[in-house]
Amino acid sequence: MTDGSTRSSLAEVRNPVLGLPAGRKLALLPVEARAALRELLLEIRADARVRAEKCWRTHKAPMAVYWKCIAVFAGHIARVCR
């Protein structure tokens, strides 16, 4: 039995997109394509975070969670595109 630190240090645990077949295909894209995709995803992440915060402040928790999930997922994909 492990203390859990080994599992949490695995890249696929920290970024579940790496465990997806399509996520691994991102690394095969040309550098320019990955850079453009990463830039767009970071913009989506920033916008989604703003929307999540606005929804939270206006007591729309389900929509806040929705936008927060989009922000997290966009960030995970952007990191794969580095």
PDB file of N, CA and C in Angstrom:
ATOM      1  N   MET A   1       0.847  -1.182   0.000  1.00  0.00           N
ATOM      2  CA  MET A   1       0.000   0.000   0.000  1.00  0.00           C
ATOM      3  C   MET A   1       0.887   1.238   0.000  1.00  0.00           C
ATOM      4  N   THR A   2       0.498   2.244  -0.790  1.00  0.00           N
ATOM      5  CA  THR A   2       1.298   3.458  -0.883  1.00  0.00           C
ATOM      6  C   THR A   2       0.642   4.566  -0.081  1.00  0.00           C
ATOM      7  N   ASP A   3       1.384   5.614   0.123  1.00  0.00           N
ATOM      8  CA  ASP A   3       0.859   6.751   0.876  1.00  0.00           C
ATOM      9  C   ASP A   3       0.033   7.700   0.018  1.00  0.00           C
ATOM     10  N   GLY A   4      -0.092   7.416  -1.262  1.00  0.00           N
ATOM     11  CA  GLY A   4      -0.888   8.264  -2.147  1.00  0.00           C
ATOM     12  C   GLY A   4      -0.052   9.269  -2.918  1.00  0.00           C
ATOM     13  N   SER A   5       1.157   9.544  -2.465  1.00  0.00           N
ATOM     14  CA  SER A   5       1.980  10.532  -3.152  1.00  0.00           C
ATOM     15  C   SER A   5       2.418  10.041  -4.531  1.00  0.00           C
ATOM     16  N   THR A   6       2.614   8.740  -4.689  1.00  0.00           N
ATOM     17  CA  THR A   6       3.011   8.198  -5.983  1.00  0.00           C
ATOM     18  C   THR A   6       1.898   8.402  -6.997  1.00  0.00           C
ATOM     19  N   ARG A   7       0.686   8.091  -6.615  1.00  0.00           N
ATOM     20  CA  ARG A   7      -0.449   8.263  -7.513  1.00  0.00           C
ATOM     21  C   ARG A   7      -0.638   9.717  -7.892  1.00  0.00           C
ATOM     22  N   SER A   8      -0.560  10.617  -6.933  1.00  0.00           N
ATOM     23  CA  SER A   8      -0.818  12.024  -7.221  1.00  0.00           C
ATOM     24  C   SER A   8       0.295  12.663  -8.022  1.00  0.00           C
ATOM     25  N   SER A   9       1.456  12.017  -8.120  1.00  0.00           N
ATOM     26  CA  SER A   9       2.528  12.586  -8.917  1.00  0.00           C
ATOM     27  C   SER A   9       2.484  12.112 -10.372  1.00  0.00           C
ATOM     28  N   LEU A  10       1.596  11.180 -10.672  1.00  0.00           N
ATOM     29  CA  LEU A  10       1.448  10.725 -12.054  1.00  0.00           C
ATOM     30  C   LEU A  10       0.825  11.826 -12.905  1.00  0.00           C
ATOM     31  N   ALA A  11       1.380  12.040 -14.080  1.00  0.00           N
ATOM     32  CA  ALA A  11       0.883  13.089 -14.970  1.00  0.00           C
ATOM     33  C   ALA A  11      -0.589  12.883 -15.319  1.00  0.00           C
ATOM     34  N   GLU A  12      -1.005  11.635 -15.516  1.00  0.00           N
ATOM     35  CA  GLU A  12      -2.398  11.348 -15.898  1.00  0.00           C
ATOM     36  C   GLU A  12      -3.382  11.649 -14.777  1.00  0.00           C
ATOM     37  N   VAL A  13      -2.904  11.672 -13.545  1.00  0.00           N
ATOM     38  CA  VAL A  13      -3.779  12.011 -12.418  1.00  0.00           C
ATOM     39  C   VAL A  13      -3.907  13.528 -12.317  1.00  0.00           C
ATOM     40  N   ARG A  14      -2.786  14.211 -12.474  1.00  0.00           N
ATOM     41  CA  ARG A  14      -2.815  15.670 -12.388  1.00  0.00           C
ATOM     42  C   ARG A  14      -3.517  16.292 -13.586  1.00  0.00           C
ATOM     43  N   ASN A  15      -3.421  15.644 -14.754  1.00  0.00           N
ATOM     44  CA  ASN A  15      -4.070  16.135 -15.961  1.00  0.00           C
ATOM     45  C   ASN A  15      -4.737  14.960 -16.665  1.00  0.00           C
ATOM     46  N   PRO A  16      -6.028  14.734 -16.391  1.00  0.00           N
ATOM     47  CA  PRO A  16      -6.722  13.571 -16.953  1.00  0.00           C
ATOM     48  C   PRO A  16      -6.797  13.562 -18.477  1.00  0.00           C
ATOM     49  N   VAL A  17      -6.594  14.704 -19.115  1.00  0.00           N
ATOM     50  CA  VAL A  17      -6.620  14.749 -20.581  1.00  0.00           C
ATOM     51  C   VAL A  17      -5.512  13.861 -21.154  1.00  0.00           C
ATOM     52  N   LEU A  18      -4.406  13.737 -20.433  1.00  0.00           N
ATOM     53  CA  LEU A  18      -3.301  12.897 -20.896  1.00  0.00           C
ATOM     54  C   LEU A  18      -3.687  11.425 -20.973  1.00  0.00           C
ATOM     55  N   GLY A  19      -4.696  11.027 -20.254  1.00  0.00           N
ATOM     56  CA  GLY A  19      -5.160   9.645 -20.281  1.00  0.00           C
ATOM     57  C   GLY A  19      -6.103   9.341 -21.423  1.00  0.00           C
ATOM     58  N   LEU A  20      -6.533  10.360 -22.130  1.00  0.00           N
ATOM     59  CA  LEU A  20      -7.445  10.173 -23.259  1.00  0.00           C
ATOM     60  C   LEU A  20      -6.654   9.949 -24.545  1.00  0.00           C
ATOM     61  N   PRO A  21      -7.116   9.040 -25.399  1.00  0.00           N
ATOM     62  CA  PRO A  21      -6.415   8.839 -26.675  1.00  0.00           C
ATOM     63  C   PRO A  21      -6.292  10.142 -27.478  1.00  0.00           C
ATOM     64  N   ALA A  22      -7.354  10.918 -27.532  1.00  0.00           N
ATOM     65  CA  ALA A  22      -7.308  12.179 -28.276  1.00  0.00           C
ATOM     66  C   ALA A  22      -6.365  13.180 -27.605  1.00  0.00           C
ATOM     67  N   GLY A  23      -6.263  13.106 -26.297  1.00  0.00           N
ATOM     68  CA  GLY A  23      -5.347  13.994 -25.587  1.00  0.00           C
ATOM     69  C   GLY A  23      -3.906  13.719 -25.952  1.00  0.00           C
ATOM     70  N   ARG A  24      -3.577  12.452 -26.110  1.00  0.00           N
ATOM     71  CA  ARG A  24      -2.218  12.086 -26.502  1.00  0.00           C
ATOM     72  C   ARG A  24      -1.926  12.498 -27.945  1.00  0.00           C
ATOM     73  N   LYS A  25      -2.950  12.551 -28.784  1.00  0.00           N
ATOM     74  CA  LYS A  25      -2.772  12.966 -30.181  1.00  0.00           C
ATOM     75  C   LYS A  25      -2.398  14.448 -30.287  1.00  0.00           C
ATOM     76  N   LEU A  26      -2.751  15.226 -29.282  1.00  0.00           N
ATOM     77  CA  LEU A  26      -2.406  16.650 -29.319  1.00  0.00           C
ATOM     78  C   LEU A  26      -0.902  16.859 -29.460  1.00  0.00           C
ATOM     79  N   ALA A  27      -0.126  15.988 -28.850  1.00  0.00           N
ATOM     80  CA  ALA A  27       1.333  16.107 -28.923  1.00  0.00           C
ATOM     81  C   ALA A  27       1.855  15.891 -30.341  1.00  0.00           C
ATOM     82  N   LEU A  28       1.045  15.286 -31.192  1.00  0.00           N
ATOM     83  CA  LEU A  28       1.463  15.018 -32.562  1.00  0.00           C
ATOM     84  C   LEU A  28       1.209  16.189 -33.509  1.00  0.00           C
ATOM     85  N   LEU A  29       0.471  17.184 -33.052  1.00  0.00           N
ATOM     86  CA  LEU A  29       0.186  18.342 -33.891  1.00  0.00           C
ATOM     87  C   LEU A  29       1.457  19.158 -34.113  1.00  0.00           C
ATOM     88  N   PRO A  30       1.515  19.868 -35.239  1.00  0.00           N
ATOM     89  CA  PRO A  30       2.666  20.753 -35.467  1.00  0.00           C
ATOM     90  C   PRO A  30       2.749  21.825 -34.366  1.00  0.00           C
ATOM     91  N   VAL A  31       3.953  22.288 -34.125  1.00  0.00           N
ATOM     92  CA  VAL A  31       4.195  23.266 -33.056  1.00  0.00           C
ATOM     93  C   VAL A  31       3.300  24.499 -33.215  1.00  0.00           C
ATOM     94  N   GLU A  32       3.163  24.992 -34.442  1.00  0.00           N
ATOM     95  CA  GLU A  32       2.359  26.198 -34.679  1.00  0.00           C
ATOM     96  C   GLU A  32       0.891  25.957 -34.338  1.00  0.00           C
ATOM     97  N   ALA A  33       0.386  24.790 -34.684  1.00  0.00           N
ATOM     98  CA  ALA A  33      -1.011  24.452 -34.395  1.00  0.00           C
ATOM     99  C   ALA A  33      -1.231  24.351 -32.893  1.00  0.00           C
ATOM    100  N   ARG A  34      -0.292  23.701 -32.196  1.00  0.00           N
ATOM    101  CA  ARG A  34      -0.414  23.585 -30.737  1.00  0.00           C
ATOM    102  C   ARG A  34      -0.356  24.954 -30.075  1.00  0.00           C
ATOM    103  N   ALA A  35       0.495  25.826 -30.573  1.00  0.00           N
ATOM    104  CA  ALA A  35       0.613  27.167 -29.995  1.00  0.00           C
ATOM    105  C   ALA A  35      -0.685  27.954 -30.179  1.00  0.00           C
ATOM    106  N   ALA A  36      -1.265  27.881 -31.375  1.00  0.00           N
ATOM    107  CA  ALA A  36      -2.523  28.589 -31.640  1.00  0.00           C
ATOM    108  C   ALA A  36      -3.654  28.022 -30.794  1.00  0.00           C
ATOM    109  N   LEU A  37      -3.725  26.707 -30.715  1.00  0.00           N
ATOM    110  CA  LEU A  37      -4.761  26.063 -29.909  1.00  0.00           C
ATOM    111  C   LEU A  37      -4.604  26.423 -28.442  1.00  0.00           C
ATOM    112  N   ARG A  38      -3.372  26.423 -27.955  1.00  0.00           N
ATOM    113  CA  ARG A  38      -3.112  26.764 -26.552  1.00  0.00           C
ATOM    114  C   ARG A  38      -3.566  28.189 -26.243  1.00  0.00           C
ATOM    115  N   GLU A  39      -3.268  29.113 -27.149  1.00  0.00           N
ATOM    116  CA  GLU A  39      -3.672  30.510 -26.946  1.00  0.00           C
ATOM    117  C   GLU A  39      -5.193  30.630 -26.854  1.00  0.00           C
ATOM    118  N   LEU A  40      -5.901  29.957 -27.753  1.00  0.00           N
ATOM    119  CA  LEU A  40      -7.367  29.988 -27.721  1.00  0.00           C
ATOM    120  C   LEU A  40      -7.914  29.364 -26.439  1.00  0.00           C
ATOM    121  N   LEU A  41      -7.342  28.248 -26.038  1.00  0.00           N
ATOM    122  CA  LEU A  41      -7.810  27.577 -24.822  1.00  0.00           C
ATOM    123  C   LEU A  41      -7.570  28.421 -23.577  1.00  0.00           C
ATOM    124  N   LEU A  42      -6.462  29.131 -23.533  1.00  0.00           N
ATOM    125  CA  LEU A  42      -6.198  30.008 -22.386  1.00  0.00           C
ATOM    126  C   LEU A  42      -7.195  31.168 -22.346  1.00  0.00           C
ATOM    127  N   GLU A  43      -7.593  31.652 -23.533  1.00  0.00           N
ATOM    128  CA  GLU A  43      -8.629  32.692 -23.585  1.00  0.00           C
ATOM    129  C   GLU A  43      -9.968  32.140 -23.107  1.00  0.00           C
ATOM    130  N   ILE A  44     -10.302  30.938 -23.541  1.00  0.00           N
ATOM    131  CA  ILE A  44     -11.547  30.298 -23.087  1.00  0.00           C
ATOM    132  C   ILE A  44     -11.509  30.113 -21.579  1.00  0.00           C
ATOM    133  N   ARG A  45     -10.372  29.645 -21.054  1.00  0.00           N
ATOM    134  CA  ARG A  45     -10.247  29.443 -19.607  1.00  0.00           C
ATOM    135  C   ARG A  45     -10.459  30.749 -18.848  1.00  0.00           C
ATOM    136  N   ALA A  46      -9.845  31.827 -19.318  1.00  0.00           N
ATOM    137  CA  ALA A  46      -9.987  33.118 -18.636  1.00  0.00           C
ATOM    138  C   ALA A  46     -11.435  33.593 -18.663  1.00  0.00           C
ATOM    139  N   ASP A  47     -12.082  33.488 -19.816  1.00  0.00           N
ATOM    140  CA  ASP A  47     -13.475  33.922 -19.938  1.00  0.00           C
ATOM    141  C   ASP A  47     -14.390  33.059 -19.065  1.00  0.00           C
ATOM    142  N   ALA A  48     -14.160  31.756 -19.069  1.00  0.00           N
ATOM    143  CA  ALA A  48     -14.986  30.849 -18.271  1.00  0.00           C
ATOM    144  C   ALA A  48     -14.830  31.126 -16.779  1.00  0.00           C
ATOM    145  N   ARG A  49     -13.617  31.464 -16.342  1.00  0.00           N
ATOM    146  CA  ARG A  49     -13.411  31.809 -14.928  1.00  0.00           C
ATOM    147  C   ARG A  49     -14.202  33.056 -14.541  1.00  0.00           C
ATOM    148  N   VAL A  50     -14.196  34.051 -15.416  1.00  0.00           N
ATOM    149  CA  VAL A  50     -14.959  35.274 -15.152  1.00  0.00           C
ATOM    150  C   VAL A  50     -16.452  34.955 -15.064  1.00  0.00           C
ATOM    151  N   ARG A  51     -16.931  34.159 -15.986  1.00  0.00           N
ATOM    152  CA  ARG A  51     -18.353  33.790 -15.987  1.00  0.00           C
ATOM    153  C   ARG A  51     -18.710  32.969 -14.740  1.00  0.00           C
ATOM    154  N   ALA A  52     -17.816  32.077 -14.335  1.00  0.00           N
ATOM    155  CA  ALA A  52     -18.071  31.278 -13.133  1.00  0.00           C
ATOM    156  C   ALA A  52     -18.175  32.175 -11.906  1.00  0.00           C
ATOM    157  N   GLU A  53     -17.282  33.123 -11.797  1.00  0.00           N
ATOM    158  CA  GLU A  53     -17.301  34.043 -10.653  1.00  0.00           C
ATOM    159  C   GLU A  53     -18.576  34.886 -10.651  1.00  0.00           C
ATOM    160  N   LYS A  54     -18.984  35.364 -11.830  1.00  0.00           N
ATOM    161  CA  LYS A  54     -20.216  36.159 -11.925  1.00  0.00           C
ATOM    162  C   LYS A  54     -21.426  35.314 -11.510  1.00  0.00           C
ATOM    163  N   CYS A  55     -21.484  34.088 -11.989  1.00  0.00           N
ATOM    164  CA  CYS A  55     -22.599  33.211 -11.625  1.00  0.00           C
ATOM    165  C   CYS A  55     -22.607  32.939 -10.121  1.00  0.00           C
ATOM    166  N   TRP A  56     -21.435  32.750  -9.552  1.00  0.00           N
ATOM    167  CA  TRP A  56     -21.349  32.486  -8.111  1.00  0.00           C
ATOM    168  C   TRP A  56     -21.861  33.689  -7.321  1.00  0.00           C
ATOM    169  N   ARG A  57     -21.448  34.887  -7.739  1.00  0.00           N
ATOM    170  CA  ARG A  57     -21.882  36.115  -7.036  1.00  0.00           C
ATOM    171  C   ARG A  57     -23.382  36.339  -7.158  1.00  0.00           C
ATOM    172  N   THR A  58     -23.979  35.884  -8.260  1.00  0.00           N
ATOM    173  CA  THR A  58     -25.423  36.073  -8.459  1.00  0.00           C
ATOM    174  C   THR A  58     -26.228  34.856  -8.017  1.00  0.00           C
ATOM    175  N   HIS A  59     -25.590  33.987  -7.231  1.00  0.00           N
ATOM    176  CA  HIS A  59     -26.260  32.827  -6.621  1.00  0.00           C
ATOM    177  C   HIS A  59     -26.805  31.839  -7.644  1.00  0.00           C
ATOM    178  N   LYS A  60     -26.039  31.660  -8.718  1.00  0.00           N
ATOM    179  CA  LYS A  60     -26.406  30.668  -9.737  1.00  0.00           C
ATOM    180  C   LYS A  60     -25.349  29.563  -9.714  1.00  0.00           C
ATOM    181  N   ALA A  61     -25.346  28.829  -8.625  1.00  0.00           N
ATOM    182  CA  ALA A  61     -24.310  27.819  -8.379  1.00  0.00           C
ATOM    183  C   ALA A  61     -24.185  26.776  -9.490  1.00  0.00           C
ATOM    184  N   PRO A  62     -25.283  26.241 -10.020  1.00  0.00           N
ATOM    185  CA  PRO A  62     -25.111  25.230 -11.079  1.00  0.00           C
ATOM    186  C   PRO A  62     -24.360  25.774 -12.302  1.00  0.00           C
ATOM    187  N   MET A  63     -24.659  26.995 -12.682  1.00  0.00           N
ATOM    188  CA  MET A  63     -23.958  27.590 -13.818  1.00  0.00           C
ATOM    189  C   MET A  63     -22.513  27.935 -13.443  1.00  0.00           C
ATOM    190  N   ALA A  64     -22.291  28.303 -12.208  1.00  0.00           N
ATOM    191  CA  ALA A  64     -20.922  28.579 -11.758  1.00  0.00           C
ATOM    192  C   ALA A  64     -20.073  27.311 -11.871  1.00  0.00           C
ATOM    193  N   VAL A  65     -20.625  26.189 -11.471  1.00  0.00           N
ATOM    194  CA  VAL A  65     -19.917  24.912 -11.572  1.00  0.00           C
ATOM    195  C   VAL A  65     -19.664  24.568 -13.039  1.00  0.00           C
ATOM    196  N   TYR A  66     -20.656  24.782 -13.864  1.00  0.00           N
ATOM    197  CA  TYR A  66     -20.519  24.521 -15.300  1.00  0.00           C
ATOM    198  C   TYR A  66     -19.343  25.291 -15.880  1.00  0.00           C
ATOM    199  N   TRP A  67     -19.311  26.599 -15.630  1.00  0.00           N
ATOM    200  CA  TRP A  67     -18.242  27.431 -16.178  1.00  0.00           C
ATOM    201  C   TRP A  67     -16.887  27.101 -15.551  1.00  0.00           C
ATOM    202  N   LYS A  68     -16.890  26.759 -14.288  1.00  0.00           N
ATOM    203  CA  LYS A  68     -15.635  26.374 -13.633  1.00  0.00           C
ATOM    204  C   LYS A  68     -15.077  25.107 -14.277  1.00  0.00           C
ATOM    205  N   CYS A  69     -15.944  24.153 -14.576  1.00  0.00           N
ATOM    206  CA  CYS A  69     -15.505  22.919 -15.237  1.00  0.00           C
ATOM    207  C   CYS A  69     -14.922  23.209 -16.616  1.00  0.00           C
ATOM    208  N   ILE A  70     -15.560  24.095 -17.349  1.00  0.00           N
ATOM    209  CA  ILE A  70     -15.037  24.469 -18.659  1.00  0.00           C
ATOM    210  C   ILE A  70     -13.646  25.081 -18.509  1.00  0.00           C
ATOM    211  N   ALA A  71     -13.485  25.952 -17.521  1.00  0.00           N
ATOM    212  CA  ALA A  71     -12.185  26.590 -17.294  1.00  0.00           C
ATOM    213  C   ALA A  71     -11.105  25.562 -16.972  1.00  0.00           C
ATOM    214  N   VAL A  72     -11.433  24.624 -16.118  1.00  0.00           N
ATOM    215  CA  VAL A  72     -10.455  23.598 -15.727  1.00  0.00           C
ATOM    216  C   VAL A  72     -10.099  22.722 -16.924  1.00  0.00           C
ATOM    217  N   PHE A  73     -11.095  22.281 -17.668  1.00  0.00           N
ATOM    218  CA  PHE A  73     -10.849  21.404 -18.800  1.00  0.00           C
ATOM    219  C   PHE A  73     -10.028  22.122 -19.875  1.00  0.00           C
ATOM    220  N   ALA A  74     -10.365  23.385 -20.159  1.00  0.00           N
ATOM    221  CA  ALA A  74      -9.596  24.161 -21.136  1.00  0.00           C
ATOM    222  C   ALA A  74      -8.150  24.313 -20.674  1.00  0.00           C
ATOM    223  N   GLY A  75      -7.951  24.513 -19.385  1.00  0.00           N
ATOM    224  CA  GLY A  75      -6.596  24.626 -18.854  1.00  0.00           C
ATOM    225  C   GLY A  75      -5.816  23.333 -18.985  1.00  0.00           C
ATOM    226  N   HIS A  76      -6.471  22.212 -18.734  1.00  0.00           N
ATOM    227  CA  HIS A  76      -5.805  20.914 -18.888  1.00  0.00           C
ATOM    228  C   HIS A  76      -5.369  20.692 -20.335  1.00  0.00           C
ATOM    229  N   ILE A  77      -6.248  20.995 -21.273  1.00  0.00           N
ATOM    230  CA  ILE A  77      -5.910  20.803 -22.676  1.00  0.00           C
ATOM    231  C   ILE A  77      -4.792  21.759 -23.084  1.00  0.00           C
ATOM    232  N   ALA A  78      -4.856  23.003 -22.608  1.00  0.00           N
ATOM    233  CA  ALA A  78      -3.810  23.980 -22.931  1.00  0.00           C
ATOM    234  C   ALA A  78      -2.446  23.494 -22.449  1.00  0.00           C
ATOM    235  N   ARG A  79      -2.415  22.878 -21.279  1.00  0.00           N
ATOM    236  CA  ARG A  79      -1.130  22.379 -20.755  1.00  0.00           C
ATOM    237  C   ARG A  79      -0.575  21.251 -21.621  1.00  0.00           C
ATOM    238  N   VAL A  80      -1.460  20.444 -22.187  1.00  0.00           N
ATOM    239  CA  VAL A  80      -1.006  19.372 -23.078  1.00  0.00           C
ATOM    240  C   VAL A  80      -0.392  19.972 -24.342  1.00  0.00           C
ATOM    241  N   CYS A  81      -0.867  21.131 -24.753  1.00  0.00           N
ATOM    242  CA  CYS A  81      -0.398  21.780 -25.982  1.00  0.00           C
ATOM    243  C   CYS A  81       0.930  22.515 -25.821  1.00  0.00           C
ATOM    244  N   ARG A  82       1.483  22.553 -24.607  1.00  0.00           N
ATOM    245  CA  ARG A  82       2.768  23.255 -24.402  1.00  0.00           C
ATOM    246  C   ARG A  82       3.844  22.668 -25.252  1.00  0.00           C
TER     247      ARG A  82
END
